[in-house]
Amino acid sequence: MIIIPARVASSRFPNKVLAKIGNTPMVIKTAQAVQDISKVLIATDSQEVIEVAKDYGIEAVITSSSCQSGTDRIYEAATKLGVDEDEIILNVQADEPFIEKDVVKTLFDLTKKYTKNQDVIATTLYKSVDYNYANNPNLVKVVTTNQDLALYFSRSLIPYDRDKQNIDYKAHLGLYGFTYKKLKLFCQLPESNLEHIEKLEQLRILDNGYKIALAKVQSHSFGIDTKEDLEKALKFHKL
């Protein structure tokens, strides 16, 4: 199952999930990009999003406006549906309208691989980017072990390239995989100080001693965090 959290009150770009990419609202375009992979559900705090989803024949469920994160929102939606504890749930962000099917399939396969590993709470993805691309605080970077387990995520440039070797950076893609049981565990973990400092919810997992597994992918997709990103997206859509 793929659940797309769609909050309308974004601090950086209010109502961005309903911004049009071509003639299609962003959240709908994201749902359409992945609907051939698995069942898709939009989890939102907005009745307007519910109505828009209905117009496009996409299932949506209303969730609380008090959800602190996208992951809390998909947990509430999955709980309402009464899914099995071993159900694989992919969290695909509403601002990823250009996400590729093979990328999402890679995340599904990675999540399935770690289903029985109780130390790995979540799975996610990264791609290699250069300094010019990485030097943007809206783009989250990750450093990993040789086995692609996360060591840390940051909006800062990590690792620090002291000797100026022109290294590639690992840019985090904002997609996550859980089983319902692990999703429930995540939402019960104490919130993390690092999570609040960086405004990155995945740090809650690392700060509580659990692990996140990653896989490298090739992707031209990008999250739309600002109005400038939307302008970039509109140009990309026309290519």
Protein backbone atom coordinates (compact mmCIF):
# COMPACT_ATOMS: atom_id res chain seq x y z
CA MET A 1 0.00 0.00 0.00
CA ILE A 2 1.16 3.53 -0.81
CA ILE A 3 -0.09 6.34 1.41
CA ILE A 4 0.49 9.96 0.41
CA PRO A 5 0.33 12.45 3.30
CA ALA A 6 -1.08 15.75 2.08
CA ARG A 7 -1.06 18.61 4.57
CA VAL A 8 -2.25 21.95 3.22
CA ALA A 9 -0.74 24.20 5.91
CA SER A 10 2.88 24.01 4.76
CA SER A 11 4.88 26.81 6.42
CA ARG A 12 7.14 27.36 3.40
CA PHE A 13 4.51 26.94 0.69
CA PRO A 14 0.87 26.87 1.87
CA ASN A 15 -1.54 24.77 -0.24
CA LYS A 16 1.34 23.50 -2.35
CA VAL A 17 -0.19 20.01 -2.63
CA LEU A 18 -2.99 21.57 -4.70
CA ALA A 19 -0.68 23.64 -6.90
CA LYS A 20 -1.14 22.69 -10.54
CA ILE A 21 1.48 20.77 -12.52
CA GLY A 22 0.14 21.33 -15.99
CA ASN A 23 -3.60 20.98 -15.39
CA THR A 24 -3.32 18.49 -12.52
CA PRO A 25 -3.02 19.21 -8.77
CA MET A 26 0.39 18.16 -7.46
CA VAL A 27 -0.92 15.55 -5.01
CA ILE A 28 -3.02 13.94 -7.75
CA LYS A 29 -0.11 13.88 -10.18
CA THR A 30 1.98 12.14 -7.50
CA ALA A 31 -0.77 9.58 -6.90
CA GLN A 32 -1.11 8.92 -10.61
CA ALA A 33 2.64 8.37 -10.92
CA VAL A 34 2.55 5.43 -8.47
CA GLN A 35 -0.96 3.99 -8.75
CA ASP A 36 0.14 1.08 -10.95
CA ILE A 37 2.50 -0.21 -8.25
CA SER A 38 0.08 -0.73 -5.36
CA LYS A 39 -3.13 0.56 -3.85
CA VAL A 40 -2.85 4.33 -3.32
CA LEU A 41 -4.46 6.34 -0.55
CA ILE A 42 -4.19 10.08 0.15
CA ALA A 43 -4.17 10.98 3.86
CA THR A 44 -5.07 14.63 4.40
CA ASP A 45 -6.36 17.18 6.89
CA SER A 46 -8.21 19.06 4.16
CA GLN A 47 -11.75 18.49 2.96
CA GLU A 48 -10.76 20.29 -0.25
CA VAL A 49 -8.12 17.63 -0.96
CA ILE A 50 -10.73 14.94 -0.26
CA GLU A 51 -13.03 16.47 -2.86
CA VAL A 52 -10.23 16.90 -5.42
CA ALA A 53 -9.19 13.26 -4.96
CA LYS A 54 -12.80 12.18 -5.44
CA ASP A 55 -12.94 14.10 -8.74
CA TYR A 56 -9.95 12.07 -9.98
CA GLY A 57 -11.19 8.72 -8.66
CA ILE A 58 -8.45 8.40 -6.03
CA GLU A 59 -9.23 7.15 -2.53
CA ALA A 60 -8.58 9.62 0.29
CA VAL A 61 -9.18 9.69 4.03
CA ILE A 62 -9.43 12.62 6.42
CA THR A 63 -6.87 12.71 9.24
CA SER A 64 -6.30 14.99 12.19
CA SER A 65 -4.89 18.48 11.70
CA SER A 66 -2.80 17.86 14.84
CA CYS A 67 -0.54 15.26 13.20
CA GLN A 68 3.04 16.35 13.84
CA SER A 69 4.54 14.70 10.77
CA GLY A 70 3.70 12.97 7.53
CA THR A 71 4.51 9.65 9.16
CA ASP A 72 2.04 10.31 11.98
CA ARG A 73 -0.54 11.07 9.31
CA ILE A 74 -0.03 7.84 7.35
CA TYR A 75 -0.13 5.88 10.62
CA GLU A 76 -3.52 7.39 11.46
CA ALA A 77 -4.79 6.57 7.97
CA ALA A 78 -3.48 2.99 8.06
CA THR A 79 -5.01 2.47 11.50
CA LYS A 80 -8.40 3.66 10.24
CA LEU A 81 -8.15 1.10 7.45
CA GLY A 82 -7.32 -1.69 9.92
CA VAL A 83 -4.37 -3.06 7.93
CA ASP A 84 -2.45 -6.18 8.98
CA GLU A 85 0.68 -5.60 11.09
CA ASP A 86 2.91 -7.09 8.36
CA GLU A 87 1.39 -4.94 5.60
CA ILE A 88 4.08 -2.98 3.74
CA ILE A 89 3.26 0.71 3.71
CA LEU A 90 5.17 3.16 1.55
CA ASN A 91 5.11 6.85 2.41
CA VAL A 92 5.39 8.85 -0.82
CA GLN A 93 5.44 12.61 -0.30
CA ALA A 94 2.72 14.63 -2.03
CA ASP A 95 5.33 16.98 -3.50
CA GLU A 96 7.04 14.29 -5.64
CA PRO A 97 4.97 14.44 -8.86
CA PHE A 98 7.86 13.19 -11.01
CA ILE A 99 8.80 10.16 -8.93
CA GLU A 100 9.66 7.19 -11.13
CA LYS A 101 7.91 3.82 -10.80
CA ASP A 102 11.15 1.86 -10.67
CA VAL A 103 12.35 4.02 -7.77
CA VAL A 104 9.22 3.26 -5.76
CA LYS A 105 9.51 -0.42 -6.65
CA THR A 106 13.09 -0.40 -5.31
CA LEU A 107 11.78 0.97 -2.02
CA PHE A 108 9.11 -1.74 -1.85
CA ASP A 109 11.69 -4.48 -2.42
CA LEU A 110 14.04 -2.98 0.18
CA THR A 111 11.25 -2.78 2.75
CA LYS A 112 10.34 -6.40 2.07
CA LYS A 113 13.99 -7.42 2.58
CA TYR A 114 14.07 -5.91 6.07
CA THR A 115 10.56 -6.94 7.17
CA LYS A 116 11.83 -9.40 9.79
CA ASN A 117 14.77 -7.27 10.98
CA GLN A 118 13.50 -5.68 14.19
CA ASP A 119 16.40 -3.21 14.40
CA VAL A 120 15.56 -1.59 11.05
CA ILE A 121 12.44 0.49 11.60
CA ALA A 122 12.29 2.17 8.19
CA THR A 123 13.75 2.05 4.71
CA THR A 124 14.41 4.90 2.32
CA LEU A 125 16.46 5.93 -0.72
CA TYR A 126 19.23 8.25 -1.86
CA LYS A 127 20.89 9.40 -5.06
CA SER A 128 24.38 10.77 -5.74
CA VAL A 129 24.65 14.51 -6.39
CA ASP A 130 27.50 16.99 -6.74
CA TYR A 131 28.37 19.93 -4.51
CA ASN A 132 26.36 22.48 -6.46
CA TYR A 133 23.22 20.38 -6.16
CA ALA A 134 23.84 19.40 -2.54
CA ASN A 135 24.57 22.91 -1.26
CA ASN A 136 20.93 23.63 -0.50
CA PRO A 137 19.41 23.34 3.00
CA ASN A 138 16.09 22.22 1.52
CA LEU A 139 17.87 19.14 0.16
CA VAL A 140 18.50 16.61 2.91
CA LYS A 141 21.83 14.79 2.87
CA VAL A 142 22.62 11.42 4.45
CA VAL A 143 25.80 9.58 5.39
CA THR A 144 25.69 5.80 5.55
CA THR A 145 27.74 2.78 6.54
CA ASN A 146 29.27 0.50 3.91
CA GLN A 147 26.07 -1.57 4.25
CA ASP A 148 23.93 1.52 3.47
CA LEU A 149 22.56 1.90 6.98
CA ALA A 150 22.01 5.53 7.92
CA LEU A 151 24.48 7.23 10.24
CA TYR A 152 22.96 10.71 10.10
CA PHE A 153 20.70 12.96 8.04
CA SER A 154 21.21 16.70 7.81
CA ARG A 155 20.29 19.82 5.91
CA SER A 156 23.97 20.74 6.14
CA LEU A 157 26.60 19.42 3.75
CA ILE A 158 27.74 16.08 5.15
CA PRO A 159 30.32 14.68 5.17
CA TYR A 160 32.58 17.73 5.36
CA ASP A 161 34.97 17.63 2.40
CA ARG A 162 38.06 18.91 4.23
CA ASP A 163 40.57 18.06 1.51
CA LYS A 164 38.37 19.41 -1.31
CA GLN A 165 38.19 16.08 -3.14
CA ASN A 166 35.01 17.07 -5.01
CA ILE A 167 33.11 14.18 -3.52
CA ASP A 168 29.60 13.12 -4.42
CA TYR A 169 26.96 13.60 -1.74
CA LYS A 170 24.06 11.31 -0.92
CA ALA A 171 20.82 13.23 -1.42
CA HIS A 172 17.94 11.74 0.50
CA LEU A 173 14.70 11.06 -1.37
CA GLY A 174 11.74 11.71 0.90
CA LEU A 175 10.12 8.30 0.57
CA TYR A 176 9.90 5.76 3.40
CA GLY A 177 8.94 2.13 3.75
CA PHE A 178 7.56 0.46 6.89
CA THR A 179 5.48 -2.46 7.92
CA TYR A 180 2.41 -1.35 9.85
CA LYS A 181 3.95 -2.81 13.03
CA LYS A 182 7.12 -0.73 12.57
CA LEU A 183 5.13 2.34 11.60
CA LYS A 184 3.25 2.02 14.88
CA LEU A 185 6.54 1.68 16.77
CA PHE A 186 7.92 4.82 15.09
CA CYS A 187 4.92 6.85 16.18
CA GLN A 188 5.32 5.62 19.76
CA LEU A 189 9.01 6.57 20.02
CA PRO A 190 9.90 9.64 22.10
CA GLU A 191 10.41 12.70 19.94
CA SER A 192 14.05 13.59 19.39
CA ASN A 193 15.92 16.81 20.11
CA LEU A 194 17.85 16.36 16.85
CA GLU A 195 14.56 15.84 15.04
CA HIS A 196 13.39 19.27 16.20
CA ILE A 197 16.72 21.01 15.49
CA GLU A 198 17.00 19.76 11.90
CA LYS A 199 13.24 19.49 11.34
CA LEU A 200 13.81 15.92 10.11
CA GLU A 201 11.50 13.31 11.60
CA GLN A 202 13.70 10.36 10.57
CA LEU A 203 16.27 11.41 13.18
CA ARG A 204 13.79 10.17 15.80
CA ILE A 205 14.61 6.63 14.72
CA LEU A 206 18.39 7.04 14.95
CA ASP A 207 18.21 8.99 18.20
CA ASN A 208 16.25 6.15 19.79
CA GLY A 209 18.85 3.54 18.80
CA TYR A 210 17.10 1.98 15.82
CA LYS A 211 18.27 1.80 12.19
CA ILE A 212 17.23 3.01 8.77
CA ALA A 213 18.26 1.02 5.68
CA LEU A 214 18.82 2.75 2.36
CA ALA A 215 19.33 1.90 -1.31
CA LYS A 216 20.92 3.99 -4.02
CA VAL A 217 18.77 4.84 -7.03
CA GLN A 218 18.93 6.91 -10.19
CA SER A 219 16.22 9.54 -10.21
CA HIS A 220 15.45 12.88 -11.85
CA SER A 221 12.63 13.52 -9.40
CA PHE A 222 12.78 16.35 -6.88
CA GLY A 223 10.63 17.54 -4.02
CA ILE A 224 8.77 20.82 -4.38
CA ASP A 225 9.40 22.79 -1.19
CA THR A 226 9.15 26.38 -2.40
CA LYS A 227 7.48 28.47 -5.10
CA GLU A 228 10.85 28.54 -6.88
CA ASP A 229 10.77 24.74 -6.92
CA LEU A 230 7.31 24.92 -8.48
CA GLU A 231 8.65 27.09 -11.29
CA LYS A 232 11.36 24.50 -11.85
CA ALA A 233 8.72 21.76 -11.84
CA LEU A 234 6.62 23.53 -14.44
CA LYS A 235 9.62 23.80 -16.73
CA PHE A 236 10.47 20.13 -16.11
CA HIS A 237 6.87 19.15 -16.91
CA LYS A 238 7.14 20.77 -20.35
CA LEU A 239 10.31 18.81 -21.31
